[in-house]
Amino acid sequence: MIGAARIVMPKAMVRLSAGRVRFSMSEQALCFLAGANSIFTGEKLLTTPNNDYDADQLMFKVLGLIPKAPSFSGEEEKACEAEQCQEAVSSSG
């Protein structure tokens, strides 16, 4: 599936997420070789258990992968800022 997604959508972010806890480091390495280029790390944004952040950092180091810093397009950044502003207003009373 990962290889097919990479062929069909060469510029897409192909993300490994739910169920990754069942994969060994070598199985995850094969996913990256097949074309995966994104993961959820840590507990945020998931409804199922996820690999520990430190374990993911170790995997990146062992596999020689360098994580890309998060980036936002102009519209996404504005929406994120508006959401944070709304949260701040809501929490202040």
PDB file of N, CA and C in Angstrom:
ATOM      1  N   MET A   1       0.815  -1.195   0.000  1.00  0.00           N
ATOM      2  CA  MET A   1       0.000   0.000   0.000  1.00  0.00           C
ATOM      3  C   MET A   1       0.864   1.266   0.000  1.00  0.00           C
ATOM      4  N   ILE A   2       1.931   1.236   0.768  1.00  0.00           N
ATOM      5  CA  ILE A   2       2.799   2.414   0.842  1.00  0.00           C
ATOM      6  C   ILE A   2       3.456   2.669  -0.509  1.00  0.00           C
ATOM      7  N   GLY A   3       3.982   1.624  -1.112  1.00  0.00           N
ATOM      8  CA  GLY A   3       4.612   1.768  -2.421  1.00  0.00           C
ATOM      9  C   GLY A   3       3.629   2.250  -3.478  1.00  0.00           C
ATOM     10  N   ALA A   4       2.403   1.713  -3.449  1.00  0.00           N
ATOM     11  CA  ALA A   4       1.383   2.131  -4.410  1.00  0.00           C
ATOM     12  C   ALA A   4       1.013   3.603  -4.189  1.00  0.00           C
ATOM     13  N   ALA A   5       0.883   4.002  -2.918  1.00  0.00           N
ATOM     14  CA  ALA A   5       0.564   5.406  -2.617  1.00  0.00           C
ATOM     15  C   ALA A   5       1.677   6.325  -3.115  1.00  0.00           C
ATOM     16  N   ARG A   6       2.923   5.911  -2.955  1.00  0.00           N
ATOM     17  CA  ARG A   6       4.056   6.729  -3.397  1.00  0.00           C
ATOM     18  C   ARG A   6       4.050   6.876  -4.911  1.00  0.00           C
ATOM     19  N   ILE A   7       3.725   5.800  -5.625  1.00  0.00           N
ATOM     20  CA  ILE A   7       3.695   5.855  -7.096  1.00  0.00           C
ATOM     21  C   ILE A   7       2.550   6.740  -7.582  1.00  0.00           C
ATOM     22  N   VAL A   8       1.380   6.575  -6.999  1.00  0.00           N
ATOM     23  CA  VAL A   8       0.195   7.319  -7.434  1.00  0.00           C
ATOM     24  C   VAL A   8       0.273   8.792  -7.036  1.00  0.00           C
ATOM     25  N   MET A   9       0.859   9.054  -5.851  1.00  0.00           N
ATOM     26  CA  MET A   9       0.925  10.435  -5.335  1.00  0.00           C
ATOM     27  C   MET A   9       2.366  10.758  -4.942  1.00  0.00           C
ATOM     28  N   PRO A  10       3.248  10.972  -5.906  1.00  0.00           N
ATOM     29  CA  PRO A  10       4.671  11.115  -5.604  1.00  0.00           C
ATOM     30  C   PRO A  10       5.044  12.277  -4.692  1.00  0.00           C
ATOM     31  N   LYS A  11       4.224  13.322  -4.627  1.00  0.00           N
ATOM     32  CA  LYS A  11       4.557  14.478  -3.785  1.00  0.00           C
ATOM     33  C   LYS A  11       3.828  14.460  -2.442  1.00  0.00           C
ATOM     34  N   ALA A  12       3.004  13.453  -2.192  1.00  0.00           N
ATOM     35  CA  ALA A  12       2.195  13.394  -0.970  1.00  0.00           C
ATOM     36  C   ALA A  12       3.026  12.984   0.236  1.00  0.00           C
ATOM     37  N   MET A  13       2.525  13.371   1.418  1.00  0.00           N
ATOM     38  CA  MET A  13       3.097  12.879   2.665  1.00  0.00           C
ATOM     39  C   MET A  13       2.404  11.551   2.949  1.00  0.00           C
ATOM     40  N   VAL A  14       3.148  10.458   2.893  1.00  0.00           N
ATOM     41  CA  VAL A  14       2.600   9.135   3.175  1.00  0.00           C
ATOM     42  C   VAL A  14       2.962   8.824   4.625  1.00  0.00           C
ATOM     43  N   ARG A  15       1.953   8.870   5.488  1.00  0.00           N
ATOM     44  CA  ARG A  15       2.180   8.823   6.942  1.00  0.00           C
ATOM     45  C   ARG A  15       1.841   7.468   7.536  1.00  0.00           C
ATOM     46  N   LEU A  16       2.744   6.981   8.376  1.00  0.00           N
ATOM     47  CA  LEU A  16       2.472   5.805   9.199  1.00  0.00           C
ATOM     48  C   LEU A  16       1.840   6.301  10.487  1.00  0.00           C
ATOM     49  N   SER A  17       0.749   5.689  10.899  1.00  0.00           N
ATOM     50  CA  SER A  17       0.126   6.163  12.141  1.00  0.00           C
ATOM     51  C   SER A  17      -0.402   4.992  12.949  1.00  0.00           C
ATOM     52  N   ALA A  18      -1.708   4.855  13.069  1.00  0.00           N
ATOM     53  CA  ALA A  18      -2.305   3.848  13.944  1.00  0.00           C
ATOM     54  C   ALA A  18      -1.792   2.443  13.626  1.00  0.00           C
ATOM     55  N   GLY A  19      -1.459   1.709  14.668  1.00  0.00           N
ATOM     56  CA  GLY A  19      -0.981   0.345  14.497  1.00  0.00           C
ATOM     57  C   GLY A  19       0.523   0.217  14.404  1.00  0.00           C
ATOM     58  N   ARG A  20       1.221   1.336  14.389  1.00  0.00           N
ATOM     59  CA  ARG A  20       2.673   1.301  14.254  1.00  0.00           C
ATOM     60  C   ARG A  20       3.344   0.636  15.449  1.00  0.00           C
ATOM     61  N   VAL A  21       2.671   0.596  16.609  1.00  0.00           N
ATOM     62  CA  VAL A  21       3.255  -0.040  17.798  1.00  0.00           C
ATOM     63  C   VAL A  21       3.493  -1.530  17.573  1.00  0.00           C
ATOM     64  N   ARG A  22       2.779  -2.113  16.638  1.00  0.00           N
ATOM     65  CA  ARG A  22       2.947  -3.538  16.343  1.00  0.00           C
ATOM     66  C   ARG A  22       4.142  -3.815  15.431  1.00  0.00           C
ATOM     67  N   PHE A  23       4.687  -2.778  14.816  1.00  0.00           N
ATOM     68  CA  PHE A  23       5.801  -2.947  13.880  1.00  0.00           C
ATOM     69  C   PHE A  23       7.127  -2.860  14.607  1.00  0.00           C
ATOM     70  N   SER A  24       8.037  -3.749  14.278  1.00  0.00           N
ATOM     71  CA  SER A  24       9.400  -3.657  14.799  1.00  0.00           C
ATOM     72  C   SER A  24      10.113  -2.513  14.087  1.00  0.00           C
ATOM     73  N   MET A  25      11.292  -2.176  14.571  1.00  0.00           N
ATOM     74  CA  MET A  25      12.057  -1.109  13.920  1.00  0.00           C
ATOM     75  C   MET A  25      12.386  -1.505  12.477  1.00  0.00           C
ATOM     76  N   SER A  26      12.711  -2.768  12.254  1.00  0.00           N
ATOM     77  CA  SER A  26      13.049  -3.188  10.888  1.00  0.00           C
ATOM     78  C   SER A  26      11.821  -3.147   9.978  1.00  0.00           C
ATOM     79  N   GLU A  27      10.649  -3.456  10.508  1.00  0.00           N
ATOM     80  CA  GLU A  27       9.432  -3.368   9.695  1.00  0.00           C
ATOM     81  C   GLU A  27       9.117  -1.907   9.346  1.00  0.00           C
ATOM     82  N   GLN A  28       9.339  -1.014  10.299  1.00  0.00           N
ATOM     83  CA  GLN A  28       9.128   0.403  10.015  1.00  0.00           C
ATOM     84  C   GLN A  28      10.151   0.902   8.998  1.00  0.00           C
ATOM     85  N   ALA A  29      11.375   0.397   9.082  1.00  0.00           N
ATOM     86  CA  ALA A  29      12.397   0.769   8.103  1.00  0.00           C
ATOM     87  C   ALA A  29      11.953   0.368   6.697  1.00  0.00           C
ATOM     88  N   LEU A  30      11.358  -0.816   6.569  1.00  0.00           N
ATOM     89  CA  LEU A  30      10.860  -1.259   5.259  1.00  0.00           C
ATOM     90  C   LEU A  30       9.752  -0.323   4.758  1.00  0.00           C
ATOM     91  N   CYS A  31       8.925   0.162   5.674  1.00  0.00           N
ATOM     92  CA  CYS A  31       7.872   1.117   5.283  1.00  0.00           C
ATOM     93  C   CYS A  31       8.487   2.397   4.730  1.00  0.00           C
ATOM     94  N   PHE A  32       9.555   2.871   5.372  1.00  0.00           N
ATOM     95  CA  PHE A  32      10.229   4.074   4.872  1.00  0.00           C
ATOM     96  C   PHE A  32      10.874   3.802   3.512  1.00  0.00           C
ATOM     97  N   LEU A  33      11.462   2.622   3.356  1.00  0.00           N
ATOM     98  CA  LEU A  33      12.067   2.275   2.062  1.00  0.00           C
ATOM     99  C   LEU A  33      11.010   2.165   0.967  1.00  0.00           C
ATOM    100  N   ALA A  34       9.801   1.740   1.340  1.00  0.00           N
ATOM    101  CA  ALA A  34       8.713   1.610   0.364  1.00  0.00           C
ATOM    102  C   ALA A  34       8.141   2.964  -0.035  1.00  0.00           C
ATOM    103  N   GLY A  35       8.426   4.012   0.759  1.00  0.00           N
ATOM    104  CA  GLY A  35       7.959   5.338   0.364  1.00  0.00           C
ATOM    105  C   GLY A  35       7.289   6.149   1.454  1.00  0.00           C
ATOM    106  N   ALA A  36       7.107   5.590   2.648  1.00  0.00           N
ATOM    107  CA  ALA A  36       6.534   6.393   3.739  1.00  0.00           C
ATOM    108  C   ALA A  36       7.524   7.503   4.085  1.00  0.00           C
ATOM    109  N   ASN A  37       6.998   8.686   4.371  1.00  0.00           N
ATOM    110  CA  ASN A  37       7.895   9.797   4.709  1.00  0.00           C
ATOM    111  C   ASN A  37       7.337  10.653   5.836  1.00  0.00           C
ATOM    112  N   SER A  38       6.420  10.080   6.622  1.00  0.00           N
ATOM    113  CA  SER A  38       5.837  10.841   7.709  1.00  0.00           C
ATOM    114  C   SER A  38       5.291   9.873   8.754  1.00  0.00           C
ATOM    115  N   ILE A  39       5.356  10.282  10.031  1.00  0.00           N
ATOM    116  CA  ILE A  39       4.769   9.492  11.105  1.00  0.00           C
ATOM    117  C   ILE A  39       4.124  10.429  12.113  1.00  0.00           C
ATOM    118  N   PHE A  40       3.188   9.894  12.886  1.00  0.00           N
ATOM    119  CA  PHE A  40       2.746  10.553  14.098  1.00  0.00           C
ATOM    120  C   PHE A  40       3.676  10.059  15.182  1.00  0.00           C
ATOM    121  N   THR A  41       4.177  10.948  16.010  1.00  0.00           N
ATOM    122  CA  THR A  41       5.049  10.546  17.097  1.00  0.00           C
ATOM    123  C   THR A  41       4.502  11.086  18.407  1.00  0.00           C
ATOM    124  N   GLY A  42       4.689  10.360  19.474  1.00  0.00           N
ATOM    125  CA  GLY A  42       4.135  10.769  20.759  1.00  0.00           C
ATOM    126  C   GLY A  42       2.651  10.458  20.829  1.00  0.00           C
ATOM    127  N   GLU A  43       1.993  10.949  21.847  1.00  0.00           N
ATOM    128  CA  GLU A  43       0.585  10.620  22.082  1.00  0.00           C
ATOM    129  C   GLU A  43      -0.402  11.578  21.435  1.00  0.00           C
ATOM    130  N   LYS A  44       0.037  12.729  20.965  1.00  0.00           N
ATOM    131  CA  LYS A  44      -0.885  13.723  20.410  1.00  0.00           C
ATOM    132  C   LYS A  44      -1.494  13.279  19.088  1.00  0.00           C
ATOM    133  N   LEU A  45      -2.718  13.710  18.878  1.00  0.00           N
ATOM    134  CA  LEU A  45      -3.447  13.536  17.621  1.00  0.00           C
ATOM    135  C   LEU A  45      -3.892  12.115  17.325  1.00  0.00           C
ATOM    136  N   LEU A  46      -3.755  11.203  18.276  1.00  0.00           N
ATOM    137  CA  LEU A  46      -4.128   9.824  18.005  1.00  0.00           C
ATOM    138  C   LEU A  46      -5.173   9.331  18.991  1.00  0.00           C
ATOM    139  N   THR A  47      -6.000   8.409  18.526  1.00  0.00           N
ATOM    140  CA  THR A  47      -6.994   7.802  19.401  1.00  0.00           C
ATOM    141  C   THR A  47      -6.577   6.388  19.787  1.00  0.00           C
ATOM    142  N   THR A  48      -5.489   5.899  19.213  1.00  0.00           N
ATOM    143  CA  THR A  48      -4.963   4.572  19.545  1.00  0.00           C
ATOM    144  C   THR A  48      -3.556   4.743  20.100  1.00  0.00           C
ATOM    145  N   PRO A  49      -3.051   3.748  20.821  1.00  0.00           N
ATOM    146  CA  PRO A  49      -1.685   3.865  21.361  1.00  0.00           C
ATOM    147  C   PRO A  49      -0.667   4.102  20.243  1.00  0.00           C
ATOM    148  N   ASN A  50       0.387   4.822  20.588  1.00  0.00           N
ATOM    149  CA  ASN A  50       1.412   5.168  19.612  1.00  0.00           C
ATOM    150  C   ASN A  50       2.782   4.905  20.223  1.00  0.00           C
ATOM    151  N   ASN A  51       3.763   4.778  19.367  1.00  0.00           N
ATOM    152  CA  ASN A  51       5.136   4.593  19.831  1.00  0.00           C
ATOM    153  C   ASN A  51       5.569   5.782  20.672  1.00  0.00           C
ATOM    154  N   ASP A  52       6.428   5.523  21.633  1.00  0.00           N
ATOM    155  CA  ASP A  52       6.975   6.559  22.497  1.00  0.00           C
ATOM    156  C   ASP A  52       7.867   7.494  21.692  1.00  0.00           C
ATOM    157  N   TYR A  53       7.834   8.771  22.017  1.00  0.00           N
ATOM    158  CA  TYR A  53       8.642   9.778  21.325  1.00  0.00           C
ATOM    159  C   TYR A  53      10.127   9.409  21.355  1.00  0.00           C
ATOM    160  N   ASP A  54      10.630   8.998  22.518  1.00  0.00           N
ATOM    161  CA  ASP A  54      12.050   8.646  22.641  1.00  0.00           C
ATOM    162  C   ASP A  54      12.408   7.434  21.787  1.00  0.00           C
ATOM    163  N   ALA A  55      11.500   6.469  21.703  1.00  0.00           N
ATOM    164  CA  ALA A  55      11.732   5.292  20.857  1.00  0.00           C
ATOM    165  C   ALA A  55      11.806   5.701  19.388  1.00  0.00           C
ATOM    166  N   ASP A  56      10.949   6.647  18.985  1.00  0.00           N
ATOM    167  CA  ASP A  56      10.987   7.137  17.606  1.00  0.00           C
ATOM    168  C   ASP A  56      12.292   7.875  17.333  1.00  0.00           C
ATOM    169  N   GLN A  57      12.762   8.673  18.289  1.00  0.00           N
ATOM    170  CA  GLN A  57      14.031   9.382  18.115  1.00  0.00           C
ATOM    171  C   GLN A  57      15.176   8.393  17.956  1.00  0.00           C
ATOM    172  N   LEU A  58      15.159   7.314  18.754  1.00  0.00           N
ATOM    173  CA  LEU A  58      16.189   6.274  18.629  1.00  0.00           C
ATOM    174  C   LEU A  58      16.116   5.614  17.254  1.00  0.00           C
ATOM    175  N   MET A  59      14.885   5.320  16.793  1.00  0.00           N
ATOM    176  CA  MET A  59      14.716   4.712  15.472  1.00  0.00           C
ATOM    177  C   MET A  59      15.291   5.624  14.386  1.00  0.00           C
ATOM    178  N   PHE A  60      14.987   6.927  14.459  1.00  0.00           N
ATOM    179  CA  PHE A  60      15.532   7.861  13.475  1.00  0.00           C
ATOM    180  C   PHE A  60      17.052   7.817  13.476  1.00  0.00           C
ATOM    181  N   LYS A  61      17.642   7.790  14.660  1.00  0.00           N
ATOM    182  CA  LYS A  61      19.100   7.781  14.775  1.00  0.00           C
ATOM    183  C   LYS A  61      19.680   6.495  14.179  1.00  0.00           C
ATOM    184  N   VAL A  62      19.094   5.347  14.530  1.00  0.00           N
ATOM    185  CA  VAL A  62      19.578   4.057  14.023  1.00  0.00           C
ATOM    186  C   VAL A  62      19.450   3.978  12.512  1.00  0.00           C
ATOM    187  N   LEU A  63      18.339   4.481  11.976  1.00  0.00           N
ATOM    188  CA  LEU A  63      18.094   4.410  10.530  1.00  0.00           C
ATOM    189  C   LEU A  63      18.753   5.546   9.755  1.00  0.00           C
ATOM    190  N   GLY A  64      19.327   6.512  10.481  1.00  0.00           N
ATOM    191  CA  GLY A  64      19.973   7.639   9.817  1.00  0.00           C
ATOM    192  C   GLY A  64      18.986   8.618   9.208  1.00  0.00           C
ATOM    193  N   LEU A  65      17.793   8.692   9.792  1.00  0.00           N
ATOM    194  CA  LEU A  65      16.768   9.607   9.293  1.00  0.00           C
ATOM    195  C   LEU A  65      16.827  10.921  10.057  1.00  0.00           C
ATOM    196  N   ILE A  66      16.609  12.011   9.374  1.00  0.00           N
ATOM    197  CA  ILE A  66      16.611  13.331   9.997  1.00  0.00           C
ATOM    198  C   ILE A  66      15.195  13.882   9.926  1.00  0.00           C
ATOM    199  N   PRO A  67      14.538  14.052  11.086  1.00  0.00           N
ATOM    200  CA  PRO A  67      13.165  14.568  11.067  1.00  0.00           C
ATOM    201  C   PRO A  67      13.104  15.977  10.493  1.00  0.00           C
ATOM    202  N   LYS A  68      12.064  16.218   9.719  1.00  0.00           N
ATOM    203  CA  LYS A  68      11.829  17.540   9.151  1.00  0.00           C
ATOM    204  C   LYS A  68      11.021  18.357  10.152  1.00  0.00           C
ATOM    205  N   ALA A  69      11.391  19.610  10.313  1.00  0.00           N
ATOM    206  CA  ALA A  69      10.637  20.487  11.204  1.00  0.00           C
ATOM    207  C   ALA A  69       9.240  20.697  10.642  1.00  0.00           C
ATOM    208  N   PRO A  70       8.232  20.849  11.507  1.00  0.00           N
ATOM    209  CA  PRO A  70       6.880  21.088  10.990  1.00  0.00           C
ATOM    210  C   PRO A  70       6.813  22.408  10.239  1.00  0.00           C
ATOM    211  N   SER A  71       5.996  22.442   9.216  1.00  0.00           N
ATOM    212  CA  SER A  71       5.809  23.675   8.460  1.00  0.00           C
ATOM    213  C   SER A  71       4.332  23.823   8.156  1.00  0.00           C
ATOM    214  N   PHE A  72       3.904  25.060   8.017  1.00  0.00           N
ATOM    215  CA  PHE A  72       2.516  25.358   7.731  1.00  0.00           C
ATOM    216  C   PHE A  72       2.436  26.274   6.518  1.00  0.00           C
ATOM    217  N   SER A  73       1.415  26.058   5.687  1.00  0.00           N
ATOM    218  CA  SER A  73       1.167  27.006   4.608  1.00  0.00           C
ATOM    219  C   SER A  73       0.553  28.248   5.238  1.00  0.00           C
ATOM    220  N   GLY A  74       0.460  29.315   4.524  1.00  0.00           N
ATOM    221  CA  GLY A  74      -0.086  30.556   5.053  1.00  0.00           C
ATOM    222  C   GLY A  74      -1.482  30.393   5.645  1.00  0.00           C
ATOM    223  N   GLU A  75      -2.376  29.696   4.937  1.00  0.00           N
ATOM    224  CA  GLU A  75      -3.739  29.516   5.428  1.00  0.00           C
ATOM    225  C   GLU A  75      -3.779  28.647   6.673  1.00  0.00           C
ATOM    226  N   GLU A  76      -3.006  27.558   6.683  1.00  0.00           N
ATOM    227  CA  GLU A  76      -2.983  26.676   7.841  1.00  0.00           C
ATOM    228  C   GLU A  76      -2.431  27.402   9.065  1.00  0.00           C
ATOM    229  N   GLU A  77      -1.410  28.217   8.845  1.00  0.00           N
ATOM    230  CA  GLU A  77      -0.810  28.959   9.947  1.00  0.00           C
ATOM    231  C   GLU A  77      -1.806  29.947  10.538  1.00  0.00           C
ATOM    232  N   LYS A  78      -2.553  30.652   9.679  1.00  0.00           N
ATOM    233  CA  LYS A  78      -3.554  31.607  10.162  1.00  0.00           C
ATOM    234  C   LYS A  78      -4.659  30.887  10.931  1.00  0.00           C
ATOM    235  N   ALA A  79      -5.101  29.733  10.426  1.00  0.00           N
ATOM    236  CA  ALA A  79      -6.147  28.969  11.107  1.00  0.00           C
ATOM    237  C   ALA A  79      -5.652  28.489  12.463  1.00  0.00           C
ATOM    238  N   CYS A  80      -4.399  28.066  12.527  1.00  0.00           N
ATOM    239  CA  CYS A  80      -3.806  27.602  13.778  1.00  0.00           C
ATOM    240  C   CYS A  80      -3.730  28.749  14.786  1.00  0.00           C
ATOM    241  N   GLU A  81      -3.298  29.922  14.322  1.00  0.00           N
ATOM    242  CA  GLU A  81      -3.212  31.089  15.198  1.00  0.00           C
ATOM    243  C   GLU A  81      -4.599  31.487  15.707  1.00  0.00           C
ATOM    244  N   ALA A  82      -5.594  31.444  14.839  1.00  0.00           N
ATOM    245  CA  ALA A  82      -6.958  31.789  15.239  1.00  0.00           C
ATOM    246  C   ALA A  82      -7.481  30.795  16.267  1.00  0.00           C
ATOM    247  N   GLU A  83      -7.184  29.523  16.072  1.00  0.00           N
ATOM    248  CA  GLU A  83      -7.623  28.499  17.017  1.00  0.00           C
ATOM    249  C   GLU A  83      -6.958  28.697  18.372  1.00  0.00           C
ATOM    250  N   GLN A  84      -5.666  29.004  18.394  1.00  0.00           N
ATOM    251  CA  GLN A  84      -4.959  29.240  19.644  1.00  0.00           C
ATOM    252  C   GLN A  84      -5.514  30.475  20.335  1.00  0.00           C
ATOM    253  N   CYS A  85      -5.832  31.506  19.586  1.00  0.00           N
ATOM    254  CA  CYS A  85      -6.411  32.728  20.143  1.00  0.00           C
ATOM    255  C   CYS A  85      -7.765  32.415  20.765  1.00  0.00           C
ATOM    256  N   GLN A  86      -8.593  31.640  20.065  1.00  0.00           N
ATOM    257  CA  GLN A  86      -9.912  31.268  20.576  1.00  0.00           C
ATOM    258  C   GLN A  86      -9.777  30.453  21.850  1.00  0.00           C
ATOM    259  N   GLU A  87      -8.811  29.532  21.902  1.00  0.00           N
ATOM    260  CA  GLU A  87      -8.581  28.728  23.104  1.00  0.00           C
ATOM    261  C   GLU A  87      -8.172  29.617  24.263  1.00  0.00           C
ATOM    262  N   ALA A  88      -7.334  30.604  24.000  1.00  0.00           N
ATOM    263  CA  ALA A  88      -6.881  31.517  25.050  1.00  0.00           C
ATOM    264  C   ALA A  88      -8.056  32.327  25.601  1.00  0.00           C
ATOM    265  N   VAL A  89      -8.931  32.788  24.714  1.00  0.00           N
ATOM    266  CA  VAL A  89     -10.095  33.552  25.137  1.00  0.00           C
ATOM    267  C   VAL A  89     -11.033  32.673  25.955  1.00  0.00           C
ATOM    268  N   SER A  90     -11.250  31.426  25.476  1.00  0.00           N
ATOM    269  CA  SER A  90     -12.150  30.507  26.167  1.00  0.00           C
ATOM    270  C   SER A  90     -11.632  30.152  27.560  1.00  0.00           C
ATOM    271  N   SER A  91     -10.335  29.947  27.688  1.00  0.00           N
ATOM    272  CA  SER A  91      -9.781  29.540  28.981  1.00  0.00           C
ATOM    273  C   SER A  91      -9.680  30.697  29.971  1.00  0.00           C
ATOM    274  N   SER A  92      -9.708  31.937  29.473  1.00  0.00           N
ATOM    275  CA  SER A  92      -9.602  33.086  30.375  1.00  0.00           C
ATOM    276  C   SER A  92     -10.943  33.481  30.976  1.00  0.00           C
ATOM    277  N   GLY A  93     -12.008  32.916  30.472  1.00  0.00           N
ATOM    278  CA  GLY A  93     -13.303  33.183  31.092  1.00  0.00           C
ATOM    279  C   GLY A  93     -14.187  33.865  30.180  1.00  0.00           C
TER     280      GLY A  93
END
